[in-house]
Amino acid sequence: YNTNKQGLPFHQGVGSYGTRFVDDNVYSTSITRLAKPNSIL
């Protein structure tokens, strides 16, 4: 995990939920499971 935008945005749960769209604050350089743009979380 990192906060300097290395890799892809990482979301663990509702803590990063926004009003409608998730807020990209934490990133991961390890790619496990991916969600495409416009996916419903």
Full PDB file with SEQRES, HELIX, SHEET, SSBOND, CRYST1, ORIGX, SCALE, CONECT and MASTER records, all heavy atoms in Angstrom:
SEQRES   1 A   41  TYR ASN THR ASN LYS GLN GLY LEU PRO PHE HIS GLN GLY          
SEQRES   2 A   41  VAL GLY SER TYR GLY THR ARG PHE VAL ASP ASP ASN VAL          
SEQRES   3 A   41  TYR SER THR SER ILE THR ARG LEU ALA LYS PRO ASN SER          
SEQRES   4 A   41  ILE LEU                                                      
HELIX    1 AA1 VAL A   14  SER A   16  5                                   3    
CRYST1    1.000    1.000    1.000  90.00  90.00  90.00 P 1           1          
ORIGX1      1.000000  0.000000  0.000000        0.00000                         
ORIGX2      0.000000  1.000000  0.000000        0.00000                         
ORIGX3      0.000000  0.000000  1.000000        0.00000                         
SCALE1      1.000000  0.000000  0.000000        0.00000                         
SCALE2      0.000000  1.000000  0.000000        0.00000                         
SCALE3      0.000000  0.000000  1.000000        0.00000                         
ATOM      1  N   TYR A   1       0.833  -1.191   0.000  1.00  0.00           N  
ATOM      2  CA  TYR A   1       0.000   0.000   0.000  1.00  0.00           C  
ATOM      3  C   TYR A   1       0.875   1.250   0.000  1.00  0.00           C  
ATOM      4  O   TYR A   1       1.978   1.271   0.549  1.00  0.00           O  
ATOM      5  CB  TYR A   1      -0.901   0.061   1.241  1.00  0.00           C  
ATOM      6  CG  TYR A   1      -1.842  -1.110   1.421  1.00  0.00           C  
ATOM      7  CD1 TYR A   1      -2.527  -1.277   2.623  1.00  0.00           C  
ATOM      8  CD2 TYR A   1      -2.051  -2.053   0.421  1.00  0.00           C  
ATOM      9  CE1 TYR A   1      -3.390  -2.345   2.819  1.00  0.00           C  
ATOM     10  CE2 TYR A   1      -2.909  -3.121   0.611  1.00  0.00           C  
ATOM     11  CZ  TYR A   1      -3.579  -3.268   1.812  1.00  0.00           C  
ATOM     12  OH  TYR A   1      -4.430  -4.320   2.005  1.00  0.00           O  
ATOM     13  N   ASN A   2       0.352   2.338  -0.593  1.00  0.00           N  
ATOM     14  CA  ASN A   2       1.048   3.624  -0.562  1.00  0.00           C  
ATOM     15  C   ASN A   2       0.042   4.742  -0.811  1.00  0.00           C  
ATOM     16  O   ASN A   2      -1.075   4.488  -1.260  1.00  0.00           O  
ATOM     17  CB  ASN A   2       2.184   3.674  -1.588  1.00  0.00           C  
ATOM     18  CG  ASN A   2       1.678   3.664  -3.026  1.00  0.00           C  
ATOM     19  OD1 ASN A   2       1.387   4.719  -3.595  1.00  0.00           O  
ATOM     20  ND2 ASN A   2       1.526   2.478  -3.617  1.00  0.00           N  
ATOM     21  N   THR A   3       0.451   5.963  -0.514  1.00  0.00           N  
ATOM     22  CA  THR A   3      -0.403   7.133  -0.749  1.00  0.00           C  
ATOM     23  C   THR A   3       0.211   8.088  -1.774  1.00  0.00           C  
ATOM     24  O   THR A   3      -0.270   9.207  -1.923  1.00  0.00           O  
ATOM     25  CB  THR A   3      -0.656   7.891   0.568  1.00  0.00           C  
ATOM     26  OG1 THR A   3       0.604   8.228   1.162  1.00  0.00           O  
ATOM     27  CG2 THR A   3      -1.476   7.047   1.531  1.00  0.00           C  
ATOM     28  N   ASN A   4       1.266   7.660  -2.440  1.00  0.00           N  
ATOM     29  CA  ASN A   4       1.907   8.532  -3.442  1.00  0.00           C  
ATOM     30  C   ASN A   4       1.603   8.091  -4.876  1.00  0.00           C  
ATOM     31  O   ASN A   4       2.394   8.310  -5.795  1.00  0.00           O  
ATOM     32  CB  ASN A   4       3.420   8.630  -3.209  1.00  0.00           C  
ATOM     33  CG  ASN A   4       4.080   7.267  -3.093  1.00  0.00           C  
ATOM     34  OD1 ASN A   4       3.425   6.247  -3.318  1.00  0.00           O  
ATOM     35  ND2 ASN A   4       5.342   7.244  -2.740  1.00  0.00           N  
ATOM     36  N   LYS A   5       0.456   7.441  -5.051  1.00  0.00           N  
ATOM     37  CA  LYS A   5      -0.121   7.127  -6.365  1.00  0.00           C  
ATOM     38  C   LYS A   5       0.725   6.167  -7.196  1.00  0.00           C  
ATOM     39  O   LYS A   5       0.720   6.236  -8.430  1.00  0.00           O  
ATOM     40  CB  LYS A   5      -0.396   8.424  -7.151  1.00  0.00           C  
ATOM     41  CG  LYS A   5      -1.367   9.352  -6.443  1.00  0.00           C  
ATOM     42  CD  LYS A   5      -1.764  10.540  -7.299  1.00  0.00           C  
ATOM     43  CE  LYS A   5      -2.786  11.419  -6.581  1.00  0.00           C  
ATOM     44  NZ  LYS A   5      -3.221  12.563  -7.387  1.00  0.00           N  
ATOM     45  N   GLN A   6       1.410   5.255  -6.515  1.00  0.00           N  
ATOM     46  CA  GLN A   6       2.136   4.204  -7.227  1.00  0.00           C  
ATOM     47  C   GLN A   6       1.223   2.991  -7.385  1.00  0.00           C  
ATOM     48  O   GLN A   6       0.639   2.511  -6.419  1.00  0.00           O  
ATOM     49  CB  GLN A   6       3.403   3.813  -6.464  1.00  0.00           C  
ATOM     50  CG  GLN A   6       4.442   4.919  -6.401  1.00  0.00           C  
ATOM     51  CD  GLN A   6       5.698   4.487  -5.665  1.00  0.00           C  
ATOM     52  OE1 GLN A   6       5.835   3.333  -5.281  1.00  0.00           O  
ATOM     53  NE2 GLN A   6       6.613   5.414  -5.459  1.00  0.00           N  
ATOM     54  N   GLY A   7       1.104   2.503  -8.623  1.00  0.00           N  
ATOM     55  CA  GLY A   7       0.214   1.383  -8.895  1.00  0.00           C  
ATOM     56  C   GLY A   7      -1.189   1.859  -9.229  1.00  0.00           C  
ATOM     57  O   GLY A   7      -1.378   2.889  -9.893  1.00  0.00           O  
ATOM     58  N   LEU A   8      -2.188   1.124  -8.741  1.00  0.00           N  
ATOM     59  CA  LEU A   8      -3.591   1.449  -8.991  1.00  0.00           C  
ATOM     60  C   LEU A   8      -4.282   1.818  -7.681  1.00  0.00           C  
ATOM     61  O   LEU A   8      -3.868   1.379  -6.599  1.00  0.00           O  
ATOM     62  CB  LEU A   8      -4.315   0.248  -9.615  1.00  0.00           C  
ATOM     63  CG  LEU A   8      -3.958  -0.109 -11.056  1.00  0.00           C  
ATOM     64  CD1 LEU A   8      -4.667  -1.396 -11.466  1.00  0.00           C  
ATOM     65  CD2 LEU A   8      -4.320   1.017 -12.005  1.00  0.00           C  
ATOM     66  N   PRO A   9      -5.368   2.624  -7.752  1.00  0.00           N  
ATOM     67  CA  PRO A   9      -6.131   2.913  -6.529  1.00  0.00           C  
ATOM     68  C   PRO A   9      -6.601   1.620  -5.871  1.00  0.00           C  
ATOM     69  O   PRO A   9      -7.023   0.683  -6.561  1.00  0.00           O  
ATOM     70  CB  PRO A   9      -7.319   3.732  -7.034  1.00  0.00           C  
ATOM     71  CG  PRO A   9      -6.867   4.323  -8.320  1.00  0.00           C  
ATOM     72  CD  PRO A   9      -5.936   3.316  -8.932  1.00  0.00           C  
ATOM     73  N   PHE A  10      -6.520   1.577  -4.548  1.00  0.00           N  
ATOM     74  CA  PHE A  10      -6.933   0.393  -3.795  1.00  0.00           C  
ATOM     75  C   PHE A  10      -8.071   0.762  -2.844  1.00  0.00           C  
ATOM     76  O   PHE A  10      -7.997   1.753  -2.123  1.00  0.00           O  
ATOM     77  CB  PHE A  10      -5.759  -0.166  -2.988  1.00  0.00           C  
ATOM     78  CG  PHE A  10      -6.163  -1.229  -2.006  1.00  0.00           C  
ATOM     79  CD1 PHE A  10      -6.656  -2.451  -2.448  1.00  0.00           C  
ATOM     80  CD2 PHE A  10      -6.074  -1.000  -0.642  1.00  0.00           C  
ATOM     81  CE1 PHE A  10      -7.051  -3.424  -1.555  1.00  0.00           C  
ATOM     82  CE2 PHE A  10      -6.465  -1.980   0.274  1.00  0.00           C  
ATOM     83  CZ  PHE A  10      -6.953  -3.198  -0.184  1.00  0.00           C  
ATOM     84  N   HIS A  11      -9.106  -0.083  -2.854  1.00  0.00           N  
ATOM     85  CA  HIS A  11     -10.273   0.153  -1.992  1.00  0.00           C  
ATOM     86  C   HIS A  11     -10.608  -1.124  -1.247  1.00  0.00           C  
ATOM     87  O   HIS A  11     -10.818  -2.170  -1.858  1.00  0.00           O  
ATOM     88  CB  HIS A  11     -11.466   0.638  -2.816  1.00  0.00           C  
ATOM     89  CG  HIS A  11     -11.222   1.969  -3.453  1.00  0.00           C  
ATOM     90  ND1 HIS A  11     -11.484   3.159  -2.816  1.00  0.00           N  
ATOM     91  CD2 HIS A  11     -10.706   2.301  -4.667  1.00  0.00           C  
ATOM     92  CE1 HIS A  11     -11.148   4.162  -3.600  1.00  0.00           C  
ATOM     93  NE2 HIS A  11     -10.677   3.664  -4.732  1.00  0.00           N  
ATOM     94  N   GLN A  12     -10.677  -0.978   0.088  1.00  0.00           N  
ATOM     95  CA  GLN A  12     -10.882  -2.126   0.966  1.00  0.00           C  
ATOM     96  C   GLN A  12     -12.329  -2.268   1.404  1.00  0.00           C  
ATOM     97  O   GLN A  12     -12.828  -3.371   1.580  1.00  0.00           O  
ATOM     98  CB  GLN A  12      -9.994  -1.949   2.211  1.00  0.00           C  
ATOM     99  CG  GLN A  12     -10.102  -3.050   3.231  1.00  0.00           C  
ATOM    100  CD  GLN A  12      -9.330  -4.287   2.831  1.00  0.00           C  
ATOM    101  OE1 GLN A  12      -9.767  -5.050   1.989  1.00  0.00           O  
ATOM    102  NE2 GLN A  12      -8.172  -4.473   3.424  1.00  0.00           N  
ATOM    103  N   GLY A  13     -13.016  -1.117   1.585  1.00  0.00           N  
ATOM    104  CA  GLY A  13     -14.389  -1.153   2.088  1.00  0.00           C  
ATOM    105  C   GLY A  13     -15.027   0.212   1.992  1.00  0.00           C  
ATOM    106  O   GLY A  13     -14.586   1.071   1.214  1.00  0.00           O  
ATOM    107  N   VAL A  14     -16.044   0.447   2.817  1.00  0.00           N  
ATOM    108  CA  VAL A  14     -16.839   1.671   2.707  1.00  0.00           C  
ATOM    109  C   VAL A  14     -16.090   2.913   3.207  1.00  0.00           C  
ATOM    110  O   VAL A  14     -16.564   4.032   3.003  1.00  0.00           O  
ATOM    111  CB  VAL A  14     -18.176   1.540   3.462  1.00  0.00           C  
ATOM    112  CG1 VAL A  14     -19.011   0.413   2.882  1.00  0.00           C  
ATOM    113  CG2 VAL A  14     -17.948   1.332   4.959  1.00  0.00           C  
ATOM    114  N   GLY A  15     -14.942   2.729   3.850  1.00  0.00           N  
ATOM    115  CA  GLY A  15     -14.180   3.876   4.342  1.00  0.00           C  
ATOM    116  C   GLY A  15     -13.742   4.825   3.247  1.00  0.00           C  
ATOM    117  O   GLY A  15     -13.511   6.014   3.503  1.00  0.00           O  
ATOM    118  N   SER A  16     -13.635   4.335   2.015  1.00  0.00           N  
ATOM    119  CA  SER A  16     -13.228   5.193   0.900  1.00  0.00           C  
ATOM    120  C   SER A  16     -14.400   5.560  -0.003  1.00  0.00           C  
ATOM    121  O   SER A  16     -14.209   6.108  -1.084  1.00  0.00           O  
ATOM    122  CB  SER A  16     -12.135   4.499   0.069  1.00  0.00           C  
ATOM    123  OG  SER A  16     -12.589   3.248  -0.422  1.00  0.00           O  
ATOM    124  N   TYR A  17     -15.628   5.262   0.439  1.00  0.00           N  
ATOM    125  CA  TYR A  17     -16.799   5.638  -0.344  1.00  0.00           C  
ATOM    126  C   TYR A  17     -16.984   7.157  -0.321  1.00  0.00           C  
ATOM    127  O   TYR A  17     -16.782   7.808   0.699  1.00  0.00           O  
ATOM    128  CB  TYR A  17     -18.064   4.999   0.245  1.00  0.00           C  
ATOM    129  CG  TYR A  17     -18.359   3.597  -0.224  1.00  0.00           C  
ATOM    130  CD1 TYR A  17     -17.378   2.789  -0.797  1.00  0.00           C  
ATOM    131  CD2 TYR A  17     -19.629   3.054  -0.072  1.00  0.00           C  
ATOM    132  CE1 TYR A  17     -17.671   1.498  -1.213  1.00  0.00           C  
ATOM    133  CE2 TYR A  17     -19.934   1.770  -0.480  1.00  0.00           C  
ATOM    134  CZ  TYR A  17     -18.952   0.994  -1.051  1.00  0.00           C  
ATOM    135  OH  TYR A  17     -19.248  -0.281  -1.461  1.00  0.00           O  
ATOM    136  N   GLY A  18     -17.395   7.704  -1.471  1.00  0.00           N  
ATOM    137  CA  GLY A  18     -17.774   9.098  -1.550  1.00  0.00           C  
ATOM    138  C   GLY A  18     -19.278   9.224  -1.617  1.00  0.00           C  
ATOM    139  O   GLY A  18     -20.025   8.276  -1.336  1.00  0.00           O  
ATOM    140  N   THR A  19     -19.750  10.421  -2.007  1.00  0.00           N  
ATOM    141  CA  THR A  19     -21.188  10.633  -2.138  1.00  0.00           C  
ATOM    142  C   THR A  19     -21.799   9.644  -3.117  1.00  0.00           C  
ATOM    143  O   THR A  19     -22.870   9.090  -2.888  1.00  0.00           O  
ATOM    144  CB  THR A  19     -21.471  12.070  -2.609  1.00  0.00           C  
ATOM    145  OG1 THR A  19     -20.873  12.980  -1.690  1.00  0.00           O  
ATOM    146  CG2 THR A  19     -22.955  12.348  -2.704  1.00  0.00           C  
ATOM    147  N   ARG A  20     -21.092   9.392  -4.181  1.00  0.00           N  
ATOM    148  CA  ARG A  20     -21.565   8.462  -5.216  1.00  0.00           C  
ATOM    149  C   ARG A  20     -20.417   7.598  -5.750  1.00  0.00           C  
ATOM    150  O   ARG A  20     -20.589   6.423  -6.043  1.00  0.00           O  
ATOM    151  CB  ARG A  20     -22.177   9.291  -6.353  1.00  0.00           C  
ATOM    152  CG  ARG A  20     -22.440   8.532  -7.649  1.00  0.00           C  
ATOM    153  CD  ARG A  20     -23.781   7.847  -7.643  1.00  0.00           C  
ATOM    154  NE  ARG A  20     -24.116   7.372  -8.976  1.00  0.00           N  
ATOM    155  CZ  ARG A  20     -25.336   7.106  -9.392  1.00  0.00           C  
ATOM    156  NH1 ARG A  20     -26.339   7.279  -8.572  1.00  0.00           N  
ATOM    157  NH2 ARG A  20     -25.563   6.674 -10.608  1.00  0.00           N  
ATOM    158  N   PHE A  21     -19.230   8.223  -5.845  1.00  0.00           N  
ATOM    159  CA  PHE A  21     -18.051   7.565  -6.406  1.00  0.00           C  
ATOM    160  C   PHE A  21     -16.957   7.458  -5.342  1.00  0.00           C  
ATOM    161  O   PHE A  21     -16.806   8.347  -4.509  1.00  0.00           O  
ATOM    162  CB  PHE A  21     -17.519   8.352  -7.609  1.00  0.00           C  
ATOM    163  CG  PHE A  21     -18.532   8.545  -8.701  1.00  0.00           C  
ATOM    164  CD1 PHE A  21     -19.325   9.681  -8.746  1.00  0.00           C  
ATOM    165  CD2 PHE A  21     -18.711   7.585  -9.676  1.00  0.00           C  
ATOM    166  CE1 PHE A  21     -20.267   9.870  -9.739  1.00  0.00           C  
ATOM    167  CE2 PHE A  21     -19.656   7.755 -10.687  1.00  0.00           C  
ATOM    168  CZ  PHE A  21     -20.436   8.902 -10.726  1.00  0.00           C  
ATOM    169  N   VAL A  22     -16.182   6.373  -5.412  1.00  0.00           N  
ATOM    170  CA  VAL A  22     -15.136   6.167  -4.417  1.00  0.00           C  
ATOM    171  C   VAL A  22     -14.042   7.234  -4.537  1.00  0.00           C  
ATOM    172  O   VAL A  22     -13.785   7.760  -5.617  1.00  0.00           O  
ATOM    173  CB  VAL A  22     -14.506   4.765  -4.537  1.00  0.00           C  
ATOM    174  CG1 VAL A  22     -15.440   3.712  -4.014  1.00  0.00           C  
ATOM    175  CG2 VAL A  22     -14.087   4.460  -5.968  1.00  0.00           C  
ATOM    176  N   ASP A  23     -13.414   7.545  -3.410  1.00  0.00           N  
ATOM    177  CA  ASP A  23     -12.313   8.501  -3.353  1.00  0.00           C  
ATOM    178  C   ASP A  23     -10.997   7.729  -3.404  1.00  0.00           C  
ATOM    179  O   ASP A  23     -10.733   6.892  -2.535  1.00  0.00           O  
ATOM    180  CB  ASP A  23     -12.367   9.324  -2.057  1.00  0.00           C  
ATOM    181  CG  ASP A  23     -13.650  10.137  -1.954  1.00  0.00           C  
ATOM    182  OD1 ASP A  23     -14.086  10.677  -2.986  1.00  0.00           O  
ATOM    183  OD2 ASP A  23     -14.204  10.225  -0.839  1.00  0.00           O  
ATOM    184  N   ASP A  24     -10.175   8.025  -4.410  1.00  0.00           N  
ATOM    185  CA  ASP A  24      -8.904   7.312  -4.581  1.00  0.00           C  
ATOM    186  C   ASP A  24      -7.823   7.963  -3.724  1.00  0.00           C  
ATOM    187  O   ASP A  24      -7.214   8.962  -4.129  1.00  0.00           O  
ATOM    188  CB  ASP A  24      -8.481   7.333  -6.060  1.00  0.00           C  
ATOM    189  CG  ASP A  24      -9.460   6.591  -6.956  1.00  0.00           C  
ATOM    190  OD1 ASP A  24     -10.146   5.693  -6.449  1.00  0.00           O  
ATOM    191  OD2 ASP A  24      -9.537   6.912  -8.156  1.00  0.00           O  
ATOM    192  N   ASN A  25      -7.576   7.400  -2.551  1.00  0.00           N  
ATOM    193  CA  ASN A  25      -6.557   7.934  -1.643  1.00  0.00           C  
ATOM    194  C   ASN A  25      -5.400   6.969  -1.431  1.00  0.00           C  
ATOM    195  O   ASN A  25      -4.251   7.382  -1.327  1.00  0.00           O  
ATOM    196  CB  ASN A  25      -7.189   8.271  -0.285  1.00  0.00           C  
ATOM    197  CG  ASN A  25      -8.236   9.361  -0.390  1.00  0.00           C  
ATOM    198  OD1 ASN A  25      -8.016  10.359  -1.073  1.00  0.00           O  
ATOM    199  ND2 ASN A  25      -9.372   9.174   0.251  1.00  0.00           N  
ATOM    200  N   VAL A  26      -5.701   5.674  -1.350  1.00  0.00           N  
ATOM    201  CA  VAL A  26      -4.681   4.646  -1.138  1.00  0.00           C  
ATOM    202  C   VAL A  26      -4.471   3.883  -2.430  1.00  0.00           C  
ATOM    203  O   VAL A  26      -5.419   3.622  -3.178  1.00  0.00           O  
ATOM    204  CB  VAL A  26      -5.111   3.689  -0.002  1.00  0.00           C  
ATOM    205  CG1 VAL A  26      -4.093   2.570   0.188  1.00  0.00           C  
ATOM    206  CG2 VAL A  26      -5.307   4.456   1.296  1.00  0.00           C  
ATOM    207  N   TYR A  27      -3.208   3.522  -2.694  1.00  0.00           N  
ATOM    208  CA  TYR A  27      -2.843   2.809  -3.922  1.00  0.00           C  
ATOM    209  C   TYR A  27      -2.136   1.513  -3.566  1.00  0.00           C  
ATOM    210  O   TYR A  27      -1.629   1.340  -2.454  1.00  0.00           O  
ATOM    211  CB  TYR A  27      -1.948   3.687  -4.801  1.00  0.00           C  
ATOM    212  CG  TYR A  27      -2.693   4.841  -5.445  1.00  0.00           C  
ATOM    213  CD1 TYR A  27      -3.125   5.922  -4.688  1.00  0.00           C  
ATOM    214  CD2 TYR A  27      -2.987   4.831  -6.812  1.00  0.00           C  
ATOM    215  CE1 TYR A  27      -3.832   6.971  -5.268  1.00  0.00           C  
ATOM    216  CE2 TYR A  27      -3.688   5.882  -7.394  1.00  0.00           C  
ATOM    217  CZ  TYR A  27      -4.106   6.940  -6.622  1.00  0.00           C  
ATOM    218  OH  TYR A  27      -4.799   7.972  -7.190  1.00  0.00           O  
ATOM    219  N   SER A  28      -2.101   0.596  -4.533  1.00  0.00           N  
ATOM    220  CA  SER A  28      -1.413  -0.678  -4.330  1.00  0.00           C  
ATOM    221  C   SER A  28      -0.568  -1.013  -5.557  1.00  0.00           C  
ATOM    222  O   SER A  28      -1.038  -0.863  -6.693  1.00  0.00           O  
ATOM    223  CB  SER A  28      -2.418  -1.803  -4.076  1.00  0.00           C  
ATOM    224  OG  SER A  28      -1.765  -3.056  -4.028  1.00  0.00           O  
ATOM    225  N   THR A  29       0.652  -1.461  -5.308  1.00  0.00           N  
ATOM    226  CA  THR A  29       1.524  -1.910  -6.404  1.00  0.00           C  
ATOM    227  C   THR A  29       1.354  -3.400  -6.652  1.00  0.00           C  
ATOM    228  O   THR A  29       1.910  -3.948  -7.597  1.00  0.00           O  
ATOM    229  CB  THR A  29       2.993  -1.596  -6.080  1.00  0.00           C  
ATOM    230  OG1 THR A  29       3.320  -2.141  -4.792  1.00  0.00           O  
ATOM    231  CG2 THR A  29       3.234  -0.094  -6.062  1.00  0.00           C  
ATOM    232  N   SER A  30       0.581  -4.064  -5.785  1.00  0.00           N  
ATOM    233  CA  SER A  30       0.249  -5.470  -5.988  1.00  0.00           C  
ATOM    234  C   SER A  30      -1.180  -5.561  -6.506  1.00  0.00           C  
ATOM    235  O   SER A  30      -2.103  -5.055  -5.882  1.00  0.00           O  
ATOM    236  CB  SER A  30       0.377  -6.239  -4.668  1.00  0.00           C  
ATOM    237  OG  SER A  30      -0.084  -7.571  -4.819  1.00  0.00           O  
ATOM    238  N   ILE A  31      -1.333  -6.172  -7.654  1.00  0.00           N  
ATOM    239  CA  ILE A  31      -2.650  -6.236  -8.289  1.00  0.00           C  
ATOM    240  C   ILE A  31      -3.278  -7.592  -7.985  1.00  0.00           C  
ATOM    241  O   ILE A  31      -2.796  -8.628  -8.442  1.00  0.00           O  
ATOM    242  CB  ILE A  31      -2.541  -6.025  -9.813  1.00  0.00           C  
ATOM    243  CG1 ILE A  31      -1.714  -4.771 -10.130  1.00  0.00           C  
ATOM    244  CG2 ILE A  31      -3.922  -5.958 -10.438  1.00  0.00           C  
ATOM    245  CD1 ILE A  31      -2.236  -3.503  -9.511  1.00  0.00           C  
ATOM    246  N   THR A  32      -4.357  -7.575  -7.195  1.00  0.00           N  
ATOM    247  CA  THR A  32      -5.050  -8.823  -6.872  1.00  0.00           C  
ATOM    248  C   THR A  32      -6.320  -8.921  -7.716  1.00  0.00           C  
ATOM    249  O   THR A  32      -6.301  -9.421  -8.821  1.00  0.00           O  
ATOM    250  CB  THR A  32      -5.376  -8.876  -5.368  1.00  0.00           C  
ATOM    251  OG1 THR A  32      -6.001  -7.640  -4.967  1.00  0.00           O  
ATOM    252  CG2 THR A  32      -4.100  -9.071  -4.549  1.00  0.00           C  
ATOM    253  N   ARG A  33      -7.429  -8.397  -7.199  1.00  0.00           N  
ATOM    254  CA  ARG A  33      -8.688  -8.416  -7.949  1.00  0.00           C  
ATOM    255  C   ARG A  33      -8.998  -7.012  -8.456  1.00  0.00           C  
ATOM    256  O   ARG A  33      -8.909  -6.046  -7.696  1.00  0.00           O  
ATOM    257  CB  ARG A  33      -9.825  -8.905  -7.066  1.00  0.00           C  
ATOM    258  CG  ARG A  33      -9.592 -10.287  -6.473  1.00  0.00           C  
ATOM    259  CD  ARG A  33      -9.732 -11.390  -7.525  1.00  0.00           C  
ATOM    260  NE  ARG A  33      -9.313 -12.674  -7.000  1.00  0.00           N  
ATOM    261  CZ  ARG A  33     -10.050 -13.456  -6.216  1.00  0.00           C  
ATOM    262  NH1 ARG A  33     -11.267 -13.054  -5.860  1.00  0.00           N  
ATOM    263  NH2 ARG A  33      -9.595 -14.610  -5.792  1.00  0.00           N  
ATOM    264  N   LEU A  34      -9.394  -6.922  -9.719  1.00  0.00           N  
ATOM    265  CA  LEU A  34      -9.622  -5.628 -10.354  1.00  0.00           C  
ATOM    266  C   LEU A  34     -11.110  -5.346 -10.543  1.00  0.00           C  
ATOM    267  O   LEU A  34     -11.898  -6.253 -10.820  1.00  0.00           O  
ATOM    268  CB  LEU A  34      -8.926  -5.574 -11.711  1.00  0.00           C  
ATOM    269  CG  LEU A  34      -7.397  -5.465 -11.711  1.00  0.00           C  
ATOM    270  CD1 LEU A  34      -6.865  -5.607 -13.131  1.00  0.00           C  
ATOM    271  CD2 LEU A  34      -6.964  -4.134 -11.125  1.00  0.00           C  
ATOM    272  N   ALA A  35     -11.462  -4.077 -10.435  1.00  0.00           N  
ATOM    273  CA  ALA A  35     -12.784  -3.589 -10.821  1.00  0.00           C  
ATOM    274  C   ALA A  35     -12.604  -2.608 -11.968  1.00  0.00           C  
ATOM    275  O   ALA A  35     -11.742  -1.737 -11.919  1.00  0.00           O  
ATOM    276  CB  ALA A  35     -13.468  -2.909  -9.643  1.00  0.00           C  
ATOM    277  N   LYS A  36     -13.416  -2.754 -13.001  1.00  0.00           N  
ATOM    278  CA  LYS A  36     -13.328  -1.889 -14.172  1.00  0.00           C  
ATOM    279  C   LYS A  36     -13.936  -0.517 -13.880  1.00  0.00           C  
ATOM    280  O   LYS A  36     -14.709  -0.369 -12.920  1.00  0.00           O  
ATOM    281  CB  LYS A  36     -14.073  -2.532 -15.347  1.00  0.00           C  
ATOM    282  CG  LYS A  36     -13.533  -3.882 -15.786  1.00  0.00           C  
ATOM    283  CD  LYS A  36     -14.252  -4.409 -17.016  1.00  0.00           C  
ATOM    284  CE  LYS A  36     -15.690  -4.769 -16.706  1.00  0.00           C  
ATOM    285  NZ  LYS A  36     -16.361  -5.442 -17.855  1.00  0.00           N  
ATOM    286  N   PRO A  37     -13.610   0.493 -14.709  1.00  0.00           N  
ATOM    287  CA  PRO A  37     -14.308   1.779 -14.568  1.00  0.00           C  
ATOM    288  C   PRO A  37     -15.817   1.581 -14.704  1.00  0.00           C  
ATOM    289  O   PRO A  37     -16.279   0.752 -15.489  1.00  0.00           O  
ATOM    290  CB  PRO A  37     -13.743   2.609 -15.730  1.00  0.00           C  
ATOM    291  CG  PRO A  37     -12.402   2.015 -16.016  1.00  0.00           C  
ATOM    292  CD  PRO A  37     -12.558   0.542 -15.750  1.00  0.00           C  
ATOM    293  N   ASN A  38     -16.574   2.345 -13.916  1.00  0.00           N  
ATOM    294  CA  ASN A  38     -18.034   2.297 -13.889  1.00  0.00           C  
ATOM    295  C   ASN A  38     -18.578   0.995 -13.302  1.00  0.00           C  
ATOM    296  O   ASN A  38     -19.748   0.662 -13.501  1.00  0.00           O  
ATOM    297  CB  ASN A  38     -18.647   2.526 -15.281  1.00  0.00           C  
ATOM    298  CG  ASN A  38     -20.086   3.004 -15.193  1.00  0.00           C  
ATOM    299  OD1 ASN A  38     -20.446   3.775 -14.307  1.00  0.00           O  
ATOM    300  ND2 ASN A  38     -20.931   2.520 -16.092  1.00  0.00           N  
ATOM    301  N   SER A  39     -17.740   0.270 -12.553  1.00  0.00           N  
ATOM    302  CA  SER A  39     -18.241  -0.898 -11.827  1.00  0.00           C  
ATOM    303  C   SER A  39     -19.027  -0.438 -10.602  1.00  0.00           C  
ATOM    304  O   SER A  39     -18.729   0.598 -10.004  1.00  0.00           O  
ATOM    305  CB  SER A  39     -17.086  -1.788 -11.368  1.00  0.00           C  
ATOM    306  OG  SER A  39     -16.410  -2.374 -12.462  1.00  0.00           O  
ATOM    307  N   ILE A  40     -20.013  -1.236 -10.232  1.00  0.00           N  
ATOM    308  CA  ILE A  40     -20.751  -0.998  -8.981  1.00  0.00           C  
ATOM    309  C   ILE A  40     -20.030  -1.740  -7.869  1.00  0.00           C  
ATOM    310  O   ILE A  40     -19.775  -2.948  -7.983  1.00  0.00           O  
ATOM    311  CB  ILE A  40     -22.200  -1.498  -9.096  1.00  0.00           C  
ATOM    312  CG1 ILE A  40     -22.938  -0.736 -10.201  1.00  0.00           C  
ATOM    313  CG2 ILE A  40     -22.934  -1.361  -7.766  1.00  0.00           C  
ATOM    314  CD1 ILE A  40     -24.229  -1.397 -10.643  1.00  0.00           C  
ATOM    315  N   LEU A  41     -19.666  -1.021  -6.812  1.00  0.00           N  
ATOM    316  CA  LEU A  41     -19.021  -1.652  -5.664  1.00  0.00           C  
ATOM    317  C   LEU A  41     -20.079  -1.969  -4.612  1.00  0.00           C  
ATOM    318  O   LEU A  41     -20.900  -1.120  -4.264  1.00  0.00           O  
ATOM    319  CB  LEU A  41     -17.951  -0.737  -5.073  1.00  0.00           C  
ATOM    320  CG  LEU A  41     -16.759  -0.427  -5.980  1.00  0.00           C  
ATOM    321  CD1 LEU A  41     -15.745   0.432  -5.241  1.00  0.00           C  
ATOM    322  CD2 LEU A  41     -16.097  -1.703  -6.497  1.00  0.00           C  
TER     323      LEU A  41                                                      
MASTER        0    0    0    1    0    0    0    6  322    1    0    4          
END                                                                             
